[in-house]
N, C-alpha and C. Protein backbone atom coordinates (compact mmCIF):
# COMPACT_ATOMS: atom_id res chain seq x y z
N UNK A 1 -25.90 32.20 -13.97
CA UNK A 1 -24.61 31.96 -13.35
C UNK A 1 -23.56 32.60 -14.18
N UNK A 2 -22.79 33.37 -13.56
CA UNK A 2 -21.74 34.11 -14.34
C UNK A 2 -20.38 33.43 -14.24
N UNK A 3 -19.69 33.43 -15.36
CA UNK A 3 -18.35 32.88 -15.31
C UNK A 3 -17.37 34.05 -14.96
N UNK A 4 -16.71 33.76 -13.82
CA UNK A 4 -15.58 34.81 -13.38
C UNK A 4 -14.44 33.98 -13.35
N UNK A 5 -13.35 34.51 -14.05
CA UNK A 5 -12.06 33.81 -14.04
C UNK A 5 -11.11 34.67 -13.18
N UNK A 6 -10.42 34.01 -12.32
CA UNK A 6 -9.34 34.58 -11.51
C UNK A 6 -8.01 34.06 -11.94
N UNK A 7 -7.06 34.95 -12.07
CA UNK A 7 -5.77 34.62 -12.55
C UNK A 7 -4.97 33.96 -11.38
N UNK A 8 -4.30 32.86 -11.64
CA UNK A 8 -3.48 32.21 -10.61
C UNK A 8 -2.15 33.04 -10.48
N UNK A 9 -1.87 33.36 -9.26
CA UNK A 9 -0.55 34.12 -9.03
C UNK A 9 0.63 33.18 -9.13
N UNK A 10 1.70 33.83 -9.33
CA UNK A 10 3.07 33.09 -9.50
C UNK A 10 3.36 32.27 -8.29
N UNK A 11 3.02 32.91 -7.13
CA UNK A 11 3.25 32.20 -5.82
C UNK A 11 2.45 30.87 -5.70
N UNK A 12 1.24 30.98 -6.17
CA UNK A 12 0.40 29.75 -6.20
C UNK A 12 0.84 28.61 -7.10
N UNK A 13 1.27 29.17 -8.27
CA UNK A 13 1.86 28.23 -9.24
C UNK A 13 3.12 27.48 -8.71
N UNK A 14 3.89 28.24 -8.01
CA UNK A 14 5.17 27.74 -7.39
C UNK A 14 4.70 26.72 -6.34
N UNK A 15 3.75 27.05 -5.48
CA UNK A 15 3.25 26.22 -4.45
C UNK A 15 2.74 24.91 -4.95
N UNK A 16 1.99 24.96 -5.99
CA UNK A 16 1.47 23.69 -6.63
C UNK A 16 2.60 22.86 -7.19
N UNK A 17 3.43 23.53 -7.89
CA UNK A 17 4.62 22.80 -8.53
C UNK A 17 5.52 22.15 -7.47
N UNK A 18 5.69 22.75 -6.33
CA UNK A 18 6.54 22.21 -5.26
C UNK A 18 5.84 20.95 -4.69
N UNK A 19 4.54 20.92 -4.53
CA UNK A 19 3.88 19.73 -4.12
C UNK A 19 3.98 18.62 -5.10
N UNK A 20 3.92 18.93 -6.33
CA UNK A 20 4.11 17.89 -7.35
C UNK A 20 5.57 17.45 -7.52
N UNK A 21 6.49 18.27 -7.22
CA UNK A 21 7.92 17.94 -7.20
C UNK A 21 8.12 16.92 -6.00
N UNK A 22 7.59 17.08 -4.94
CA UNK A 22 7.80 16.27 -3.78
C UNK A 22 7.26 14.88 -4.11
N UNK A 23 6.08 14.73 -4.75
CA UNK A 23 5.51 13.53 -5.13
C UNK A 23 6.42 12.84 -6.09
N UNK A 24 6.84 13.58 -7.12
CA UNK A 24 7.68 12.95 -8.19
C UNK A 24 9.02 12.56 -7.73
N UNK A 25 9.56 13.26 -6.70
CA UNK A 25 10.88 12.76 -6.12
C UNK A 25 10.78 11.39 -5.52
N UNK A 26 9.69 11.22 -4.76
CA UNK A 26 9.48 9.88 -4.14
C UNK A 26 9.25 8.83 -5.24
N UNK A 27 8.42 9.11 -6.20
CA UNK A 27 8.12 8.17 -7.39
C UNK A 27 9.38 7.84 -8.03
N UNK A 28 10.25 8.80 -8.44
CA UNK A 28 11.49 8.54 -9.09
C UNK A 28 12.43 7.68 -8.26
N UNK A 29 12.40 7.95 -6.97
CA UNK A 29 13.36 7.19 -6.03
C UNK A 29 12.96 5.75 -6.04
N UNK A 30 11.62 5.51 -6.05
CA UNK A 30 11.07 4.07 -5.96
C UNK A 30 11.34 3.42 -7.35
N UNK A 31 11.25 4.10 -8.46
CA UNK A 31 11.44 3.52 -9.80
C UNK A 31 12.92 3.19 -9.95
N UNK A 32 13.81 4.02 -9.45
CA UNK A 32 15.20 3.74 -9.54
C UNK A 32 15.52 2.54 -8.64
N UNK A 33 14.92 2.43 -7.52
CA UNK A 33 15.21 1.24 -6.63
C UNK A 33 14.64 0.02 -7.37
N UNK A 34 13.41 0.06 -7.89
CA UNK A 34 12.88 -1.15 -8.44
C UNK A 34 13.73 -1.60 -9.66
N UNK A 35 14.28 -0.74 -10.51
CA UNK A 35 15.13 -1.08 -11.58
C UNK A 35 16.35 -1.82 -11.06
N UNK A 36 17.01 -1.28 -9.94
CA UNK A 36 18.17 -1.89 -9.31
C UNK A 36 17.78 -3.30 -8.82
N UNK A 37 16.62 -3.37 -8.22
CA UNK A 37 16.17 -4.63 -7.52
C UNK A 37 15.93 -5.63 -8.53
N UNK A 38 15.33 -5.28 -9.70
CA UNK A 38 15.08 -6.31 -10.78
C UNK A 38 16.36 -6.86 -11.32
N UNK A 39 17.26 -5.93 -11.62
CA UNK A 39 18.56 -6.41 -12.31
C UNK A 39 19.55 -6.97 -11.40
N UNK A 40 19.68 -6.49 -10.20
CA UNK A 40 20.78 -6.98 -9.31
C UNK A 40 20.32 -8.06 -8.32
N UNK A 41 19.09 -7.97 -7.92
CA UNK A 41 18.55 -9.08 -7.01
C UNK A 41 17.91 -10.18 -7.63
N UNK A 42 17.00 -9.89 -8.61
CA UNK A 42 16.38 -10.96 -9.33
C UNK A 42 17.18 -11.50 -10.55
N UNK A 43 18.19 -10.73 -10.86
CA UNK A 43 19.07 -11.05 -11.96
C UNK A 43 18.39 -11.12 -13.34
N UNK A 44 17.37 -10.27 -13.45
CA UNK A 44 16.65 -10.05 -14.71
C UNK A 44 17.46 -9.24 -15.68
N UNK A 45 17.65 -9.65 -16.87
CA UNK A 45 18.39 -8.70 -17.90
C UNK A 45 17.71 -7.30 -17.97
N UNK A 46 18.51 -6.33 -18.13
CA UNK A 46 17.95 -4.96 -18.13
C UNK A 46 16.95 -4.72 -19.11
N UNK A 47 17.02 -5.31 -20.33
CA UNK A 47 15.94 -5.10 -21.35
C UNK A 47 14.61 -5.66 -20.86
N UNK A 48 14.63 -6.79 -20.20
CA UNK A 48 13.37 -7.38 -19.75
C UNK A 48 12.86 -6.59 -18.52
N UNK A 49 13.74 -6.12 -17.68
CA UNK A 49 13.24 -5.29 -16.50
C UNK A 49 12.65 -3.98 -17.00
N UNK A 50 13.29 -3.43 -18.03
CA UNK A 50 12.69 -2.17 -18.55
C UNK A 50 11.32 -2.41 -19.31
N UNK A 51 11.22 -3.57 -19.84
CA UNK A 51 9.96 -3.92 -20.57
C UNK A 51 8.86 -4.17 -19.46
N UNK A 52 9.24 -4.71 -18.29
CA UNK A 52 8.31 -4.88 -17.24
C UNK A 52 7.76 -3.57 -16.72
N UNK A 53 8.74 -2.69 -16.51
CA UNK A 53 8.39 -1.28 -16.01
C UNK A 53 7.63 -0.56 -17.02
N UNK A 54 7.93 -0.67 -18.20
CA UNK A 54 7.14 0.03 -19.31
C UNK A 54 5.79 -0.43 -19.46
N UNK A 55 5.54 -1.81 -19.36
CA UNK A 55 4.27 -2.46 -19.44
C UNK A 55 3.38 -2.03 -18.38
N UNK A 56 3.91 -2.03 -17.09
CA UNK A 56 3.26 -1.53 -15.99
C UNK A 56 2.74 -0.09 -16.15
N UNK A 57 3.63 0.75 -16.67
CA UNK A 57 3.34 2.17 -16.87
C UNK A 57 2.19 2.34 -17.99
N UNK A 58 2.32 1.51 -19.00
CA UNK A 58 1.24 1.77 -19.98
C UNK A 58 -0.10 1.22 -19.51
N UNK A 59 -0.03 0.11 -18.75
CA UNK A 59 -1.33 -0.33 -18.16
C UNK A 59 -1.97 0.79 -17.29
N UNK A 60 -1.17 1.50 -16.53
CA UNK A 60 -1.60 2.46 -15.58
C UNK A 60 -2.04 3.72 -16.46
N UNK A 61 -1.30 3.99 -17.61
CA UNK A 61 -1.73 5.19 -18.39
C UNK A 61 -3.09 4.92 -18.90
N UNK A 62 -3.49 3.75 -19.35
CA UNK A 62 -4.84 3.54 -19.83
C UNK A 62 -5.90 3.25 -18.78
N UNK A 63 -5.53 2.79 -17.68
CA UNK A 63 -6.50 2.30 -16.60
C UNK A 63 -6.85 3.58 -15.80
N UNK A 64 -5.93 4.55 -15.59
CA UNK A 64 -6.29 5.69 -14.79
C UNK A 64 -7.41 6.56 -15.36
N UNK A 65 -7.41 6.85 -16.66
CA UNK A 65 -8.45 7.68 -17.16
C UNK A 65 -9.78 6.92 -17.15
N UNK A 66 -9.79 5.59 -17.23
CA UNK A 66 -11.03 4.81 -17.23
C UNK A 66 -11.55 4.88 -15.78
N UNK A 67 -10.73 4.77 -14.82
CA UNK A 67 -11.17 4.97 -13.44
C UNK A 67 -11.69 6.35 -13.09
N UNK A 68 -11.06 7.43 -13.78
CA UNK A 68 -11.54 8.73 -13.59
C UNK A 68 -12.99 8.88 -14.11
N UNK A 69 -13.19 8.23 -15.35
CA UNK A 69 -14.50 8.39 -15.99
C UNK A 69 -15.52 7.71 -15.09
N UNK A 70 -15.18 6.47 -14.57
CA UNK A 70 -16.10 5.79 -13.69
C UNK A 70 -16.35 6.63 -12.42
N UNK A 71 -15.38 7.20 -11.81
CA UNK A 71 -15.62 8.03 -10.59
C UNK A 71 -16.44 9.26 -10.97
N UNK A 72 -16.28 9.88 -12.13
CA UNK A 72 -16.98 11.08 -12.46
C UNK A 72 -18.51 10.73 -12.65
N UNK A 73 -18.76 9.55 -13.13
CA UNK A 73 -20.15 9.18 -13.51
C UNK A 73 -20.82 8.47 -12.35
N UNK A 74 -20.12 8.29 -11.26
CA UNK A 74 -20.77 7.65 -10.11
C UNK A 74 -21.40 8.66 -9.10
N UNK A 75 -22.63 8.58 -8.80
CA UNK A 75 -23.26 9.42 -7.87
C UNK A 75 -23.73 8.58 -6.64
N UNK A 76 -23.21 9.14 -5.50
CA UNK A 76 -23.59 8.42 -4.28
C UNK A 76 -24.27 9.39 -3.26
C-alpha cells in the first residue's frame, strides 16, 4: 500500500471553513441567548450563569473524546 498525499487547494480550505463558520454562528447565537436567558429570565447572577456555562463546556470537552474513542473501538 503506497502513501500518496494530495495537497488541499485553497478553494477546498475555504469551503470547509465556511461550513464550520455556519455551524459556529448558530452555536454562538444560542450561547448568547442562553446567557441572556439565565441572567434576565431566571435572574441568576452573571458569575453563576457563566460558571454553569463553563462547567457544561468542560464536561463536554472531556466527554466528547471519550465517546470518540468508544466509537472508534466499536465494530458492528
